[in-house]
Amino acid sequence: MENMLLLDITTFDPENILELFKRWEHVESLDYSKGLKVVYQLFDAGGGRVITLYEVETVKDYMTHNLPFTDLCQIEVFPVVESSEFKRFASRYMTQLNAEGTSP
């Protein structure tokens, strides 16, 4: 099975930032999320948000990593695919539909 990409937008109250950083350090030191890799992470320059792209083996790996933050943050998560992968999929799909005489 192929790993999944998950895009996570975490919003937090800036007054909780010290507690949040303590938890991040603790969670990252545990090494229990072997099925999770942070691919890219951005912090909102205005404060209060972090955008993270994860590569995960299972959704459980993602949940295990983020559970310690749910009382301090609002977390939105979206499954995503790379644009090149999406273009290949869409091209195959359109070719198949055209061959069947069906238009989208």
N, C-alpha and C. Protein backbone atom coordinates (compact mmCIF):
# COMPACT_ATOMS: atom_id res chain seq x y z
N MET A 1 0.83 -1.18 0.00
CA MET A 1 0.00 0.00 0.00
C MET A 1 0.87 1.24 0.00
N GLU A 2 0.48 2.23 -0.76
CA GLU A 2 1.24 3.46 -0.89
C GLU A 2 0.93 4.42 0.26
N ASN A 3 1.93 5.16 0.70
CA ASN A 3 1.71 6.15 1.75
C ASN A 3 0.79 7.26 1.26
N MET A 4 0.10 7.89 2.20
CA MET A 4 -0.82 8.99 1.90
C MET A 4 -0.18 10.31 2.28
N LEU A 5 -0.61 11.37 1.59
CA LEU A 5 -0.24 12.73 1.98
C LEU A 5 -1.44 13.38 2.64
N LEU A 6 -1.21 14.00 3.79
CA LEU A 6 -2.25 14.71 4.50
C LEU A 6 -1.78 16.14 4.74
N LEU A 7 -2.63 17.10 4.41
CA LEU A 7 -2.35 18.51 4.66
C LEU A 7 -3.14 18.91 5.90
N ASP A 8 -2.46 19.49 6.84
CA ASP A 8 -3.04 19.81 8.14
C ASP A 8 -2.89 21.31 8.37
N ILE A 9 -3.99 21.96 8.71
CA ILE A 9 -3.96 23.38 9.10
C ILE A 9 -4.34 23.42 10.57
N THR A 10 -3.38 23.79 11.39
CA THR A 10 -3.57 23.85 12.83
C THR A 10 -3.69 25.31 13.24
N THR A 11 -4.79 25.65 13.90
CA THR A 11 -5.02 27.00 14.38
C THR A 11 -5.00 26.98 15.90
N PHE A 12 -4.30 27.96 16.48
CA PHE A 12 -4.19 28.00 17.94
C PHE A 12 -4.20 29.44 18.42
N ASP A 13 -4.56 29.61 19.67
CA ASP A 13 -4.54 30.91 20.31
C ASP A 13 -3.07 31.22 20.63
N PRO A 14 -2.55 32.36 20.15
CA PRO A 14 -1.13 32.67 20.40
C PRO A 14 -0.74 32.66 21.88
N GLU A 15 -1.69 32.83 22.79
CA GLU A 15 -1.33 32.78 24.21
C GLU A 15 -0.95 31.36 24.65
N ASN A 16 -1.28 30.34 23.84
CA ASN A 16 -0.94 28.94 24.16
C ASN A 16 0.37 28.49 23.52
N ILE A 17 1.10 29.39 22.89
CA ILE A 17 2.26 28.97 22.09
C ILE A 17 3.35 28.29 22.93
N LEU A 18 3.59 28.73 24.15
CA LEU A 18 4.63 28.10 24.96
C LEU A 18 4.27 26.64 25.29
N GLU A 19 3.03 26.42 25.70
CA GLU A 19 2.59 25.05 25.98
C GLU A 19 2.62 24.19 24.72
N LEU A 20 2.23 24.79 23.60
CA LEU A 20 2.24 24.08 22.33
C LEU A 20 3.64 23.65 21.95
N PHE A 21 4.63 24.54 22.07
CA PHE A 21 6.01 24.19 21.74
C PHE A 21 6.55 23.12 22.68
N LYS A 22 6.19 23.16 23.96
CA LYS A 22 6.63 22.13 24.90
C LYS A 22 6.10 20.76 24.45
N ARG A 23 4.83 20.73 24.06
CA ARG A 23 4.25 19.46 23.61
C ARG A 23 4.88 18.99 22.31
N TRP A 24 5.13 19.90 21.38
CA TRP A 24 5.79 19.51 20.12
C TRP A 24 7.13 18.87 20.41
N GLU A 25 7.92 19.49 21.27
CA GLU A 25 9.23 18.92 21.61
C GLU A 25 9.06 17.53 22.23
N HIS A 26 8.10 17.40 23.12
CA HIS A 26 7.87 16.11 23.78
C HIS A 26 7.44 15.04 22.78
N VAL A 27 6.44 15.35 21.96
CA VAL A 27 5.93 14.39 20.98
C VAL A 27 7.02 13.99 19.99
N GLU A 28 7.79 14.95 19.51
CA GLU A 28 8.86 14.64 18.56
C GLU A 28 9.96 13.80 19.19
N SER A 29 10.14 13.87 20.50
CA SER A 29 11.17 13.07 21.17
C SER A 29 10.74 11.62 21.41
N LEU A 30 9.43 11.34 21.31
CA LEU A 30 8.92 10.00 21.63
C LEU A 30 9.22 8.95 20.57
N ASP A 31 9.30 9.35 19.31
CA ASP A 31 9.60 8.43 18.22
C ASP A 31 8.60 7.28 18.10
N TYR A 32 7.34 7.51 18.46
CA TYR A 32 6.34 6.46 18.31
C TYR A 32 5.57 6.58 17.01
N SER A 33 5.82 7.63 16.26
CA SER A 33 5.11 7.82 15.00
C SER A 33 6.01 7.40 13.84
N LYS A 34 6.43 6.15 13.84
CA LYS A 34 7.31 5.67 12.78
C LYS A 34 6.64 5.71 11.41
N GLY A 35 5.31 5.65 11.37
CA GLY A 35 4.58 5.68 10.12
C GLY A 35 4.21 7.09 9.68
N LEU A 36 4.84 8.11 10.29
CA LEU A 36 4.53 9.50 9.97
C LEU A 36 5.81 10.27 9.70
N LYS A 37 5.79 11.06 8.65
CA LYS A 37 6.94 11.91 8.32
C LYS A 37 6.41 13.30 8.01
N VAL A 38 7.02 14.32 8.61
CA VAL A 38 6.68 15.70 8.27
C VAL A 38 7.46 16.03 7.00
N VAL A 39 6.73 16.29 5.91
CA VAL A 39 7.34 16.59 4.62
C VAL A 39 7.70 18.07 4.54
N TYR A 40 6.79 18.92 5.02
CA TYR A 40 6.99 20.37 4.93
C TYR A 40 6.12 21.03 5.98
N GLN A 41 6.63 22.10 6.58
CA GLN A 41 5.86 22.79 7.60
C GLN A 41 6.09 24.29 7.49
N LEU A 42 4.99 25.04 7.56
CA LEU A 42 5.04 26.49 7.47
C LEU A 42 4.31 27.10 8.66
N PHE A 43 4.86 28.15 9.20
CA PHE A 43 4.20 28.90 10.26
C PHE A 43 3.68 30.20 9.68
N ASP A 44 2.44 30.53 9.98
CA ASP A 44 1.81 31.76 9.54
C ASP A 44 2.58 32.93 10.16
N ALA A 45 3.08 33.83 9.32
CA ALA A 45 3.87 34.97 9.81
C ALA A 45 3.07 35.86 10.76
N GLY A 46 1.74 35.85 10.61
CA GLY A 46 0.90 36.64 11.50
C GLY A 46 0.63 35.96 12.83
N GLY A 47 1.01 34.70 12.94
CA GLY A 47 0.82 33.95 14.18
C GLY A 47 -0.50 33.22 14.22
N GLY A 48 -0.53 32.17 15.00
CA GLY A 48 -1.77 31.46 15.25
C GLY A 48 -2.09 30.31 14.33
N ARG A 49 -1.24 30.04 13.33
CA ARG A 49 -1.51 28.91 12.43
C ARG A 49 -0.22 28.24 11.99
N VAL A 50 -0.34 26.93 11.80
CA VAL A 50 0.75 26.13 11.25
C VAL A 50 0.15 25.26 10.15
N ILE A 51 0.83 25.21 9.02
CA ILE A 51 0.38 24.37 7.90
C ILE A 51 1.44 23.30 7.72
N THR A 52 1.02 22.04 7.77
CA THR A 52 1.97 20.93 7.72
C THR A 52 1.53 19.92 6.67
N LEU A 53 2.48 19.45 5.89
CA LEU A 53 2.24 18.36 4.95
C LEU A 53 2.90 17.12 5.53
N TYR A 54 2.09 16.09 5.77
CA TYR A 54 2.56 14.83 6.33
C TYR A 54 2.52 13.74 5.27
N GLU A 55 3.44 12.81 5.36
CA GLU A 55 3.36 11.55 4.64
C GLU A 55 3.12 10.49 5.70
N VAL A 56 2.04 9.74 5.55
CA VAL A 56 1.68 8.76 6.58
C VAL A 56 1.41 7.40 5.96
N GLU A 57 1.69 6.36 6.74
CA GLU A 57 1.34 5.01 6.32
C GLU A 57 -0.15 4.77 6.53
N THR A 58 -0.66 5.23 7.67
CA THR A 58 -2.08 5.07 7.98
C THR A 58 -2.60 6.33 8.67
N VAL A 59 -3.89 6.51 8.66
CA VAL A 59 -4.50 7.64 9.36
C VAL A 59 -4.24 7.51 10.87
N LYS A 60 -4.13 6.29 11.37
CA LYS A 60 -3.84 6.08 12.79
C LYS A 60 -2.51 6.72 13.19
N ASP A 61 -1.51 6.64 12.30
CA ASP A 61 -0.22 7.28 12.59
C ASP A 61 -0.39 8.79 12.76
N TYR A 62 -1.19 9.37 11.90
CA TYR A 62 -1.46 10.81 11.97
C TYR A 62 -2.20 11.14 13.27
N MET A 63 -3.22 10.38 13.58
CA MET A 63 -4.02 10.63 14.78
C MET A 63 -3.17 10.51 16.05
N THR A 64 -2.32 9.51 16.10
CA THR A 64 -1.46 9.30 17.26
C THR A 64 -0.54 10.50 17.47
N HIS A 65 -0.03 11.03 16.38
CA HIS A 65 0.89 12.17 16.45
C HIS A 65 0.18 13.44 16.92
N ASN A 66 -1.05 13.66 16.47
CA ASN A 66 -1.74 14.91 16.74
C ASN A 66 -2.67 14.91 17.95
N LEU A 67 -3.00 13.77 18.49
CA LEU A 67 -3.92 13.70 19.63
C LEU A 67 -3.49 14.58 20.81
N PRO A 68 -2.20 14.66 21.15
CA PRO A 68 -1.80 15.48 22.30
C PRO A 68 -2.08 16.99 22.15
N PHE A 69 -2.44 17.44 20.95
CA PHE A 69 -2.64 18.87 20.71
C PHE A 69 -4.10 19.28 20.62
N THR A 70 -5.00 18.33 20.66
CA THR A 70 -6.40 18.64 20.36
C THR A 70 -7.07 19.56 21.39
N ASP A 71 -6.54 19.65 22.60
CA ASP A 71 -7.13 20.56 23.58
C ASP A 71 -6.63 21.99 23.41
N LEU A 72 -5.54 22.18 22.69
CA LEU A 72 -4.97 23.51 22.47
C LEU A 72 -5.23 24.07 21.08
N CYS A 73 -5.63 23.22 20.15
CA CYS A 73 -5.70 23.62 18.74
C CYS A 73 -6.98 23.15 18.07
N GLN A 74 -7.30 23.84 17.01
CA GLN A 74 -8.30 23.37 16.06
C GLN A 74 -7.49 22.82 14.89
N ILE A 75 -7.78 21.60 14.48
CA ILE A 75 -6.99 20.98 13.42
C ILE A 75 -7.92 20.57 12.28
N GLU A 76 -7.60 21.06 11.09
CA GLU A 76 -8.30 20.64 9.88
C GLU A 76 -7.32 19.80 9.08
N VAL A 77 -7.77 18.68 8.57
CA VAL A 77 -6.88 17.80 7.82
C VAL A 77 -7.54 17.39 6.51
N PHE A 78 -6.74 17.35 5.44
CA PHE A 78 -7.23 17.04 4.11
C PHE A 78 -6.29 16.04 3.44
N PRO A 79 -6.82 14.96 2.88
CA PRO A 79 -5.98 14.09 2.05
C PRO A 79 -5.67 14.84 0.76
N VAL A 80 -4.43 14.80 0.31
CA VAL A 80 -4.02 15.50 -0.91
C VAL A 80 -3.16 14.59 -1.78
N VAL A 81 -3.03 14.96 -3.06
CA VAL A 81 -2.13 14.28 -3.98
C VAL A 81 -1.28 15.33 -4.67
N GLU A 82 -0.10 14.94 -5.10
CA GLU A 82 0.76 15.86 -5.83
C GLU A 82 0.12 16.18 -7.17
N SER A 83 0.35 17.39 -7.67
CA SER A 83 -0.30 17.82 -8.91
C SER A 83 0.06 16.92 -10.08
N SER A 84 1.30 16.45 -10.16
CA SER A 84 1.69 15.58 -11.27
C SER A 84 0.93 14.26 -11.22
N GLU A 85 0.71 13.73 -10.02
CA GLU A 85 -0.05 12.50 -9.87
C GLU A 85 -1.52 12.73 -10.26
N PHE A 86 -2.07 13.86 -9.85
CA PHE A 86 -3.44 14.18 -10.21
C PHE A 86 -3.60 14.33 -11.72
N LYS A 87 -2.64 14.98 -12.37
CA LYS A 87 -2.70 15.16 -13.83
C LYS A 87 -2.67 13.80 -14.54
N ARG A 88 -1.83 12.88 -14.07
CA ARG A 88 -1.78 11.53 -14.67
C ARG A 88 -3.11 10.83 -14.50
N PHE A 89 -3.67 10.89 -13.29
CA PHE A 89 -4.97 10.28 -13.03
C PHE A 89 -6.05 10.88 -13.92
N ALA A 90 -6.11 12.21 -13.97
CA ALA A 90 -7.14 12.88 -14.76
C ALA A 90 -6.99 12.56 -16.24
N SER A 91 -5.77 12.49 -16.72
CA SER A 91 -5.53 12.17 -18.12
C SER A 91 -6.02 10.76 -18.45
N ARG A 92 -5.69 9.78 -17.59
CA ARG A 92 -6.17 8.41 -17.80
C ARG A 92 -7.69 8.35 -17.75
N TYR A 93 -8.28 9.06 -16.80
CA TYR A 93 -9.73 9.08 -16.65
C TYR A 93 -10.39 9.67 -17.89
N MET A 94 -9.88 10.79 -18.38
CA MET A 94 -10.45 11.43 -19.56
C MET A 94 -10.29 10.54 -20.79
N THR A 95 -9.13 9.89 -20.92
CA THR A 95 -8.90 8.98 -22.05
C THR A 95 -9.89 7.83 -22.00
N GLN A 96 -10.10 7.27 -20.83
CA GLN A 96 -11.05 6.16 -20.67
C GLN A 96 -12.47 6.62 -21.02
N LEU A 97 -12.87 7.78 -20.53
CA LEU A 97 -14.21 8.28 -20.83
C LEU A 97 -14.40 8.54 -22.33
N ASN A 98 -13.39 9.13 -22.95
CA ASN A 98 -13.47 9.40 -24.38
C ASN A 98 -13.54 8.10 -25.19
N ALA A 99 -12.81 7.07 -24.75
CA ALA A 99 -12.84 5.79 -25.45
C ALA A 99 -14.21 5.12 -25.33
N GLU A 100 -14.88 5.38 -24.21
CA GLU A 100 -16.21 4.80 -24.00
C GLU A 100 -17.30 5.66 -24.64
N GLY A 101 -16.91 6.80 -25.22
CA GLY A 101 -17.89 7.67 -25.85
C GLY A 101 -18.69 8.49 -24.87
N THR A 102 -18.17 8.66 -23.66
CA THR A 102 -18.85 9.42 -22.64
C THR A 102 -18.07 10.70 -22.39
N SER A 103 -18.75 11.81 -22.32
CA SER A 103 -18.05 13.05 -21.98
C SER A 103 -18.35 13.39 -20.52
N PRO A 104 -17.37 13.99 -19.84
CA PRO A 104 -17.54 14.29 -18.41
C PRO A 104 -18.56 15.38 -18.17
